[in-house]
Amino acid sequence: MGEGRDREMEQDRKLKELENQVREKEQREADLELELEILRKARDYAEEHGSLNGVNRSKGKEQKKRT
Protein backbone atom coordinates (compact mmCIF):
# COMPACT_ATOMS: atom_id res chain seq x y z
CA MET A 1 0.00 0.00 0.00
CA GLY A 2 2.88 2.39 0.77
CA GLU A 3 4.36 1.87 -2.68
CA GLY A 4 1.17 3.08 -4.36
CA ARG A 5 1.14 6.23 -2.24
CA ASP A 6 4.83 6.90 -2.94
CA ARG A 7 4.23 6.45 -6.64
CA GLU A 8 1.27 8.83 -6.55
CA MET A 9 3.30 11.44 -4.67
CA GLU A 10 6.13 11.12 -7.21
CA GLN A 11 3.70 11.56 -10.10
CA ASP A 12 2.18 14.61 -8.41
CA ARG A 13 5.64 16.10 -7.92
CA LYS A 14 6.53 15.49 -11.57
CA LEU A 15 3.22 16.98 -12.70
CA LYS A 16 3.80 20.13 -10.63
CA GLU A 17 7.34 20.40 -12.00
CA LEU A 18 6.06 20.14 -15.59
CA GLU A 19 3.32 22.70 -14.88
CA ASN A 20 5.98 25.08 -13.56
CA GLN A 21 8.11 24.53 -16.65
CA VAL A 22 5.13 25.29 -18.90
CA ARG A 23 4.34 28.45 -16.93
CA GLU A 24 7.98 29.60 -17.14
CA LYS A 25 8.08 28.91 -20.89
CA GLU A 26 4.85 30.82 -21.43
CA GLN A 27 6.22 33.76 -19.42
CA ARG A 28 9.47 33.78 -21.43
CA GLU A 29 7.44 33.71 -24.64
CA ALA A 30 5.28 36.62 -23.45
CA ASP A 31 8.41 38.57 -22.47
CA LEU A 32 9.97 37.97 -25.90
CA GLU A 33 6.77 39.02 -27.67
CA LEU A 34 6.71 42.23 -25.65
CA GLU A 35 10.38 42.89 -26.41
CA LEU A 36 9.73 42.31 -30.12
CA GLU A 37 6.81 44.75 -30.06
CA ILE A 38 8.99 47.37 -28.35
CA LEU A 39 11.77 46.89 -30.90
CA ARG A 40 9.32 47.20 -33.79
CA LYS A 41 7.92 50.43 -32.36
CA ALA A 42 11.44 51.78 -31.84
CA ARG A 43 12.34 50.93 -35.43
CA ASP A 44 9.16 52.56 -36.74
CA TYR A 45 9.85 55.67 -34.66
CA ALA A 46 13.44 55.83 -35.89
CA GLU A 47 12.30 55.49 -39.49
CA GLU A 48 9.70 58.23 -39.08
CA HIS A 49 12.13 60.63 -37.46
CA GLY A 50 15.11 60.00 -39.70
CA SER A 51 17.33 58.67 -36.97
CA LEU A 52 18.05 55.30 -38.54
CA ASN A 53 21.49 55.43 -40.18
CA GLY A 54 20.93 59.07 -41.00
CA VAL A 55 18.22 58.24 -43.52
CA ASN A 56 14.59 59.12 -43.24
CA ARG A 57 13.19 56.05 -44.93
CA SER A 58 9.59 57.22 -44.85
CA LYS A 59 10.51 60.13 -47.12
CA GLY A 60 13.34 58.38 -48.95
CA LYS A 61 15.64 61.33 -48.43
CA GLU A 62 19.04 61.21 -46.84
CA GLN A 63 19.50 63.42 -43.84
CA LYS A 64 22.45 64.02 -41.62
CA LYS A 65 22.04 62.94 -38.05
CA ARG A 66 21.40 65.76 -35.66
CA THR A 67 24.07 65.83 -33.00
PDB file of N, CA and C in Angstrom:
ATOM      1  N   MET A   1       0.827  -1.195   0.000  1.00  0.00           N
ATOM      2  CA  MET A   1       0.000   0.000   0.000  1.00  0.00           C
ATOM      3  C   MET A   1       0.870   1.257   0.000  1.00  0.00           C
ATOM      4  N   GLY A   2       1.990   1.236   0.709  1.00  0.00           N
ATOM      5  CA  GLY A   2       2.875   2.389   0.772  1.00  0.00           C
ATOM      6  C   GLY A   2       3.503   2.704  -0.569  1.00  0.00           C
ATOM      7  N   GLU A   3       3.755   1.651  -1.363  1.00  0.00           N
ATOM      8  CA  GLU A   3       4.357   1.873  -2.681  1.00  0.00           C
ATOM      9  C   GLU A   3       3.427   2.658  -3.599  1.00  0.00           C
ATOM     10  N   GLY A   4       2.145   2.366  -3.533  1.00  0.00           N
ATOM     11  CA  GLY A   4       1.168   3.076  -4.358  1.00  0.00           C
ATOM     12  C   GLY A   4       1.111   4.549  -3.999  1.00  0.00           C
ATOM     13  N   ARG A   5       1.172   4.842  -2.715  1.00  0.00           N
ATOM     14  CA  ARG A   5       1.142   6.228  -2.242  1.00  0.00           C
ATOM     15  C   ARG A   5       2.411   6.973  -2.663  1.00  0.00           C
ATOM     16  N   ASP A   6       3.561   6.292  -2.522  1.00  0.00           N
ATOM     17  CA  ASP A   6       4.834   6.897  -2.940  1.00  0.00           C
ATOM     18  C   ASP A   6       4.827   7.204  -4.437  1.00  0.00           C
ATOM     19  N   ARG A   7       4.294   6.276  -5.188  1.00  0.00           N
ATOM     20  CA  ARG A   7       4.230   6.446  -6.642  1.00  0.00           C
ATOM     21  C   ARG A   7       3.323   7.636  -6.995  1.00  0.00           C
ATOM     22  N   GLU A   8       2.198   7.725  -6.310  1.00  0.00           N
ATOM     23  CA  GLU A   8       1.268   8.829  -6.546  1.00  0.00           C
ATOM     24  C   GLU A   8       1.912  10.166  -6.184  1.00  0.00           C
ATOM     25  N   MET A   9       2.626  10.203  -5.086  1.00  0.00           N
ATOM     26  CA  MET A   9       3.300  11.438  -4.667  1.00  0.00           C
ATOM     27  C   MET A   9       4.369  11.834  -5.687  1.00  0.00           C
ATOM     28  N   GLU A  10       5.095  10.860  -6.203  1.00  0.00           N
ATOM     29  CA  GLU A  10       6.133  11.122  -7.205  1.00  0.00           C
ATOM     30  C   GLU A  10       5.507  11.658  -8.490  1.00  0.00           C
ATOM     31  N   GLN A  11       4.390  11.080  -8.903  1.00  0.00           N
ATOM     32  CA  GLN A  11       3.703  11.557 -10.102  1.00  0.00           C
ATOM     33  C   GLN A  11       3.181  12.978  -9.892  1.00  0.00           C
ATOM     34  N   ASP A  12       2.649  13.261  -8.712  1.00  0.00           N
ATOM     35  CA  ASP A  12       2.180  14.611  -8.406  1.00  0.00           C
ATOM     36  C   ASP A  12       3.332  15.611  -8.454  1.00  0.00           C
ATOM     37  N   ARG A  13       4.474  15.224  -7.910  1.00  0.00           N
ATOM     38  CA  ARG A  13       5.644  16.095  -7.924  1.00  0.00           C
ATOM     39  C   ARG A  13       6.089  16.367  -9.355  1.00  0.00           C
ATOM     40  N   LYS A  14       6.134  15.321 -10.177  1.00  0.00           N
ATOM     41  CA  LYS A  14       6.535  15.486 -11.573  1.00  0.00           C
ATOM     42  C   LYS A  14       5.535  16.359 -12.328  1.00  0.00           C
ATOM     43  N   LEU A  15       4.250  16.168 -12.048  1.00  0.00           N
ATOM     44  CA  LEU A  15       3.225  16.979 -12.699  1.00  0.00           C
ATOM     45  C   LEU A  15       3.390  18.449 -12.339  1.00  0.00           C
ATOM     46  N   LYS A  16       3.606  18.740 -11.061  1.00  0.00           N
ATOM     47  CA  LYS A  16       3.803  20.128 -10.630  1.00  0.00           C
ATOM     48  C   LYS A  16       5.046  20.724 -11.273  1.00  0.00           C
ATOM     49  N   GLU A  17       6.100  19.929 -11.372  1.00  0.00           N
ATOM     50  CA  GLU A  17       7.336  20.397 -12.004  1.00  0.00           C
ATOM     51  C   GLU A  17       7.098  20.740 -13.476  1.00  0.00           C
ATOM     52  N   LEU A  18       6.366  19.879 -14.180  1.00  0.00           N
ATOM     53  CA  LEU A  18       6.058  20.137 -15.588  1.00  0.00           C
ATOM     54  C   LEU A  18       5.158  21.362 -15.739  1.00  0.00           C
ATOM     55  N   GLU A  19       4.196  21.516 -14.848  1.00  0.00           N
ATOM     56  CA  GLU A  19       3.322  22.695 -14.883  1.00  0.00           C
ATOM     57  C   GLU A  19       4.134  23.969 -14.687  1.00  0.00           C
ATOM     58  N   ASN A  20       5.101  23.923 -13.779  1.00  0.00           N
ATOM     59  CA  ASN A  20       5.979  25.077 -13.560  1.00  0.00           C
ATOM     60  C   ASN A  20       6.811  25.378 -14.800  1.00  0.00           C
ATOM     61  N   GLN A  21       7.318  24.338 -15.438  1.00  0.00           N
ATOM     62  CA  GLN A  21       8.114  24.530 -16.649  1.00  0.00           C
ATOM     63  C   GLN A  21       7.274  25.169 -17.752  1.00  0.00           C
ATOM     64  N   VAL A  22       6.028  24.719 -17.892  1.00  0.00           N
ATOM     65  CA  VAL A  22       5.134  25.285 -18.901  1.00  0.00           C
ATOM     66  C   VAL A  22       4.872  26.750 -18.593  1.00  0.00           C
ATOM     67  N   ARG A  23       4.598  27.059 -17.326  1.00  0.00           N
ATOM     68  CA  ARG A  23       4.344  28.450 -16.931  1.00  0.00           C
ATOM     69  C   ARG A  23       5.555  29.332 -17.226  1.00  0.00           C
ATOM     70  N   GLU A  24       6.753  28.834 -16.887  1.00  0.00           N
ATOM     71  CA  GLU A  24       7.979  29.597 -17.140  1.00  0.00           C
ATOM     72  C   GLU A  24       8.186  29.816 -18.635  1.00  0.00           C
ATOM     73  N   LYS A  25       7.929  28.783 -19.438  1.00  0.00           N
ATOM     74  CA  LYS A  25       8.082  28.911 -20.887  1.00  0.00           C
ATOM     75  C   LYS A  25       7.089  29.919 -21.436  1.00  0.00           C
ATOM     76  N   GLU A  26       5.857  29.866 -20.972  1.00  0.00           N
ATOM     77  CA  GLU A  26       4.845  30.823 -21.430  1.00  0.00           C
ATOM     78  C   GLU A  26       5.225  32.246 -21.041  1.00  0.00           C
ATOM     79  N   GLN A  27       5.805  32.424 -19.855  1.00  0.00           N
ATOM     80  CA  GLN A  27       6.220  33.759 -19.423  1.00  0.00           C
ATOM     81  C   GLN A  27       7.380  34.265 -20.269  1.00  0.00           C
ATOM     82  N   ARG A  28       8.340  33.393 -20.563  1.00  0.00           N
ATOM     83  CA  ARG A  28       9.466  33.783 -21.429  1.00  0.00           C
ATOM     84  C   ARG A  28       8.949  34.171 -22.813  1.00  0.00           C
ATOM     85  N   GLU A  29       8.000  33.400 -23.326  1.00  0.00           N
ATOM     86  CA  GLU A  29       7.439  33.707 -24.639  1.00  0.00           C
ATOM     87  C   GLU A  29       6.729  35.061 -24.624  1.00  0.00           C
ATOM     88  N   ALA A  30       5.963  35.330 -23.571  1.00  0.00           N
ATOM     89  CA  ALA A  30       5.275  36.616 -23.454  1.00  0.00           C
ATOM     90  C   ALA A  30       6.285  37.757 -23.357  1.00  0.00           C
ATOM     91  N   ASP A  31       7.358  37.546 -22.600  1.00  0.00           N
ATOM     92  CA  ASP A  31       8.407  38.571 -22.472  1.00  0.00           C
ATOM     93  C   ASP A  31       9.060  38.856 -23.824  1.00  0.00           C
ATOM     94  N   LEU A  32       9.340  37.796 -24.590  1.00  0.00           N
ATOM     95  CA  LEU A  32       9.966  37.973 -25.901  1.00  0.00           C
ATOM     96  C   LEU A  32       9.023  38.668 -26.874  1.00  0.00           C
ATOM     97  N   GLU A  33       7.741  38.344 -26.808  1.00  0.00           N
ATOM     98  CA  GLU A  33       6.771  39.018 -27.674  1.00  0.00           C
ATOM     99  C   GLU A  33       6.702  40.507 -27.341  1.00  0.00           C
ATOM    100  N   LEU A  34       6.728  40.836 -26.060  1.00  0.00           N
ATOM    101  CA  LEU A  34       6.711  42.234 -25.649  1.00  0.00           C
ATOM    102  C   LEU A  34       7.976  42.950 -26.118  1.00  0.00           C
ATOM    103  N   GLU A  35       9.118  42.300 -25.963  1.00  0.00           N
ATOM    104  CA  GLU A  35      10.376  42.890 -26.409  1.00  0.00           C
ATOM    105  C   GLU A  35      10.362  43.120 -27.926  1.00  0.00           C
ATOM    106  N   LEU A  36       9.822  42.163 -28.669  1.00  0.00           N
ATOM    107  CA  LEU A  36       9.727  42.309 -30.116  1.00  0.00           C
ATOM    108  C   LEU A  36       8.829  43.485 -30.483  1.00  0.00           C
ATOM    109  N   GLU A  37       7.720  43.635 -29.802  1.00  0.00           N
ATOM    110  CA  GLU A  37       6.811  44.747 -30.056  1.00  0.00           C
ATOM    111  C   GLU A  37       7.509  46.083 -29.778  1.00  0.00           C
ATOM    112  N   ILE A  38       8.255  46.150 -28.693  1.00  0.00           N
ATOM    113  CA  ILE A  38       8.989  47.373 -28.351  1.00  0.00           C
ATOM    114  C   ILE A  38      10.027  47.689 -29.428  1.00  0.00           C
ATOM    115  N   LEU A  39      10.760  46.673 -29.866  1.00  0.00           N
ATOM    116  CA  LEU A  39      11.769  46.885 -30.904  1.00  0.00           C
ATOM    117  C   LEU A  39      11.141  47.337 -32.221  1.00  0.00           C
ATOM    118  N   ARG A  40      10.010  46.770 -32.568  1.00  0.00           N
ATOM    119  CA  ARG A  40       9.324  47.196 -33.790  1.00  0.00           C
ATOM    120  C   ARG A  40       8.890  48.657 -33.691  1.00  0.00           C
ATOM    121  N   LYS A  41       8.346  49.042 -32.543  1.00  0.00           N
ATOM    122  CA  LYS A  41       7.922  50.428 -32.363  1.00  0.00           C
ATOM    123  C   LYS A  41       9.117  51.373 -32.406  1.00  0.00           C
ATOM    124  N   ALA A  42      10.227  50.957 -31.814  1.00  0.00           N
ATOM    125  CA  ALA A  42      11.437  51.779 -31.836  1.00  0.00           C
ATOM    126  C   ALA A  42      11.941  51.935 -33.261  1.00  0.00           C
ATOM    127  N   ARG A  43      11.914  50.862 -34.026  1.00  0.00           N
ATOM    128  CA  ARG A  43      12.338  50.926 -35.427  1.00  0.00           C
ATOM    129  C   ARG A  43      11.420  51.859 -36.222  1.00  0.00           C
ATOM    130  N   ASP A  44      10.117  51.705 -36.028  1.00  0.00           N
ATOM    131  CA  ASP A  44       9.164  52.565 -36.739  1.00  0.00           C
ATOM    132  C   ASP A  44       9.377  54.031 -36.379  1.00  0.00           C
ATOM    133  N   TYR A  45       9.599  54.293 -35.103  1.00  0.00           N
ATOM    134  CA  TYR A  45       9.849  55.669 -34.657  1.00  0.00           C
ATOM    135  C   TYR A  45      11.116  56.213 -35.311  1.00  0.00           C
ATOM    136  N   ALA A  46      12.173  55.394 -35.305  1.00  0.00           N
ATOM    137  CA  ALA A  46      13.445  55.828 -35.895  1.00  0.00           C
ATOM    138  C   ALA A  46      13.277  56.112 -37.386  1.00  0.00           C
ATOM    139  N   GLU A  47      12.521  55.265 -38.058  1.00  0.00           N
ATOM    140  CA  GLU A  47      12.303  55.487 -39.491  1.00  0.00           C
ATOM    141  C   GLU A  47      11.515  56.767 -39.724  1.00  0.00           C
ATOM    142  N   GLU A  48      10.521  57.025 -38.922  1.00  0.00           N
ATOM    143  CA  GLU A  48       9.696  58.230 -39.076  1.00  0.00           C
ATOM    144  C   GLU A  48      10.488  59.501 -38.810  1.00  0.00           C
ATOM    145  N   HIS A  49      11.418  59.427 -37.874  1.00  0.00           N
ATOM    146  CA  HIS A  49      12.132  60.631 -37.459  1.00  0.00           C
ATOM    147  C   HIS A  49      13.537  60.728 -38.030  1.00  0.00           C
ATOM    148  N   GLY A  50      13.842  59.889 -38.984  1.00  0.00           N
ATOM    149  CA  GLY A  50      15.112  60.000 -39.696  1.00  0.00           C
ATOM    150  C   GLY A  50      16.329  59.712 -38.849  1.00  0.00           C
ATOM    151  N   SER A  51      16.177  58.924 -37.821  1.00  0.00           N
ATOM    152  CA  SER A  51      17.329  58.666 -36.973  1.00  0.00           C
ATOM    153  C   SER A  51      17.851  57.241 -37.140  1.00  0.00           C
ATOM    154  N   LEU A  52      17.543  56.638 -38.263  1.00  0.00           N
ATOM    155  CA  LEU A  52      18.046  55.300 -38.536  1.00  0.00           C
ATOM    156  C   LEU A  52      19.108  55.402 -39.621  1.00  0.00           C
ATOM    157  N   ASN A  53      20.355  55.316 -39.250  1.00  0.00           N
ATOM    158  CA  ASN A  53      21.491  55.434 -40.183  1.00  0.00           C
ATOM    159  C   ASN A  53      21.468  56.748 -40.949  1.00  0.00           C
ATOM    160  N   GLY A  54      20.928  57.766 -40.355  1.00  0.00           N
ATOM    161  CA  GLY A  54      20.928  59.070 -40.995  1.00  0.00           C
ATOM    162  C   GLY A  54      19.999  59.179 -42.187  1.00  0.00           C
ATOM    163  N   VAL A  55      19.129  58.227 -42.374  1.00  0.00           N
ATOM    164  CA  VAL A  55      18.224  58.245 -43.517  1.00  0.00           C
ATOM    165  C   VAL A  55      16.793  58.228 -43.018  1.00  0.00           C
ATOM    166  N   ASN A  56      16.008  59.124 -43.546  1.00  0.00           N
ATOM    167  CA  ASN A  56      14.588  59.120 -43.243  1.00  0.00           C
ATOM    168  C   ASN A  56      13.921  58.245 -44.290  1.00  0.00           C
ATOM    169  N   ARG A  57      13.691  57.006 -43.940  1.00  0.00           N
ATOM    170  CA  ARG A  57      13.194  56.053 -44.926  1.00  0.00           C
ATOM    171  C   ARG A  57      11.762  56.335 -45.340  1.00  0.00           C
ATOM    172  N   SER A  58      10.982  56.952 -44.471  1.00  0.00           N
ATOM    173  CA  SER A  58       9.592  57.217 -44.847  1.00  0.00           C
ATOM    174  C   SER A  58       9.504  58.244 -45.967  1.00  0.00           C
ATOM    175  N   LYS A  59      10.500  59.118 -46.058  1.00  0.00           N
ATOM    176  CA  LYS A  59      10.514  60.127 -47.122  1.00  0.00           C
ATOM    177  C   LYS A  59      11.492  59.758 -48.228  1.00  0.00           C
ATOM    178  N   GLY A  60      12.365  58.799 -47.956  1.00  0.00           N
ATOM    179  CA  GLY A  60      13.337  58.379 -48.953  1.00  0.00           C
ATOM    180  C   GLY A  60      14.444  59.385 -49.183  1.00  0.00           C
ATOM    181  N   LYS A  61      14.602  60.314 -48.278  1.00  0.00           N
ATOM    182  CA  LYS A  61      15.642  61.331 -48.425  1.00  0.00           C
ATOM    183  C   LYS A  61      16.722  61.098 -47.384  1.00  0.00           C
ATOM    184  N   GLU A  62      17.951  61.313 -47.806  1.00  0.00           N
ATOM    185  CA  GLU A  62      19.038  61.211 -46.842  1.00  0.00           C
ATOM    186  C   GLU A  62      19.107  62.482 -46.022  1.00  0.00           C
ATOM    187  N   GLN A  63      19.333  62.294 -44.741  1.00  0.00           N
ATOM    188  CA  GLN A  63      19.498  63.422 -43.838  1.00  0.00           C
ATOM    189  C   GLN A  63      20.693  63.139 -42.955  1.00  0.00           C
ATOM    190  N   LYS A  64      21.371  64.187 -42.571  1.00  0.00           N
ATOM    191  CA  LYS A  64      22.453  64.021 -41.622  1.00  0.00           C
ATOM    192  C   LYS A  64      21.852  63.898 -40.234  1.00  0.00           C
ATOM    193  N   LYS A  65      22.498  63.083 -39.427  1.00  0.00           N
ATOM    194  CA  LYS A  65      22.038  62.941 -38.046  1.00  0.00           C
ATOM    195  C   LYS A  65      22.237  64.250 -37.316  1.00  0.00           C
ATOM    196  N   ARG A  66      21.267  64.562 -36.502  1.00  0.00           N
ATOM    197  CA  ARG A  66      21.400  65.762 -35.663  1.00  0.00           C
ATOM    198  C   ARG A  66      22.177  65.390 -34.418  1.00  0.00           C
ATOM    199  N   THR A  67      23.258  66.125 -34.191  1.00  0.00           N
ATOM    200  CA  THR A  67      24.067  65.829 -33.003  1.00  0.00           C
ATOM    201  C   THR A  67      24.203  67.054 -32.145  1.00  0.00           C
TER     202      THR A  67
END
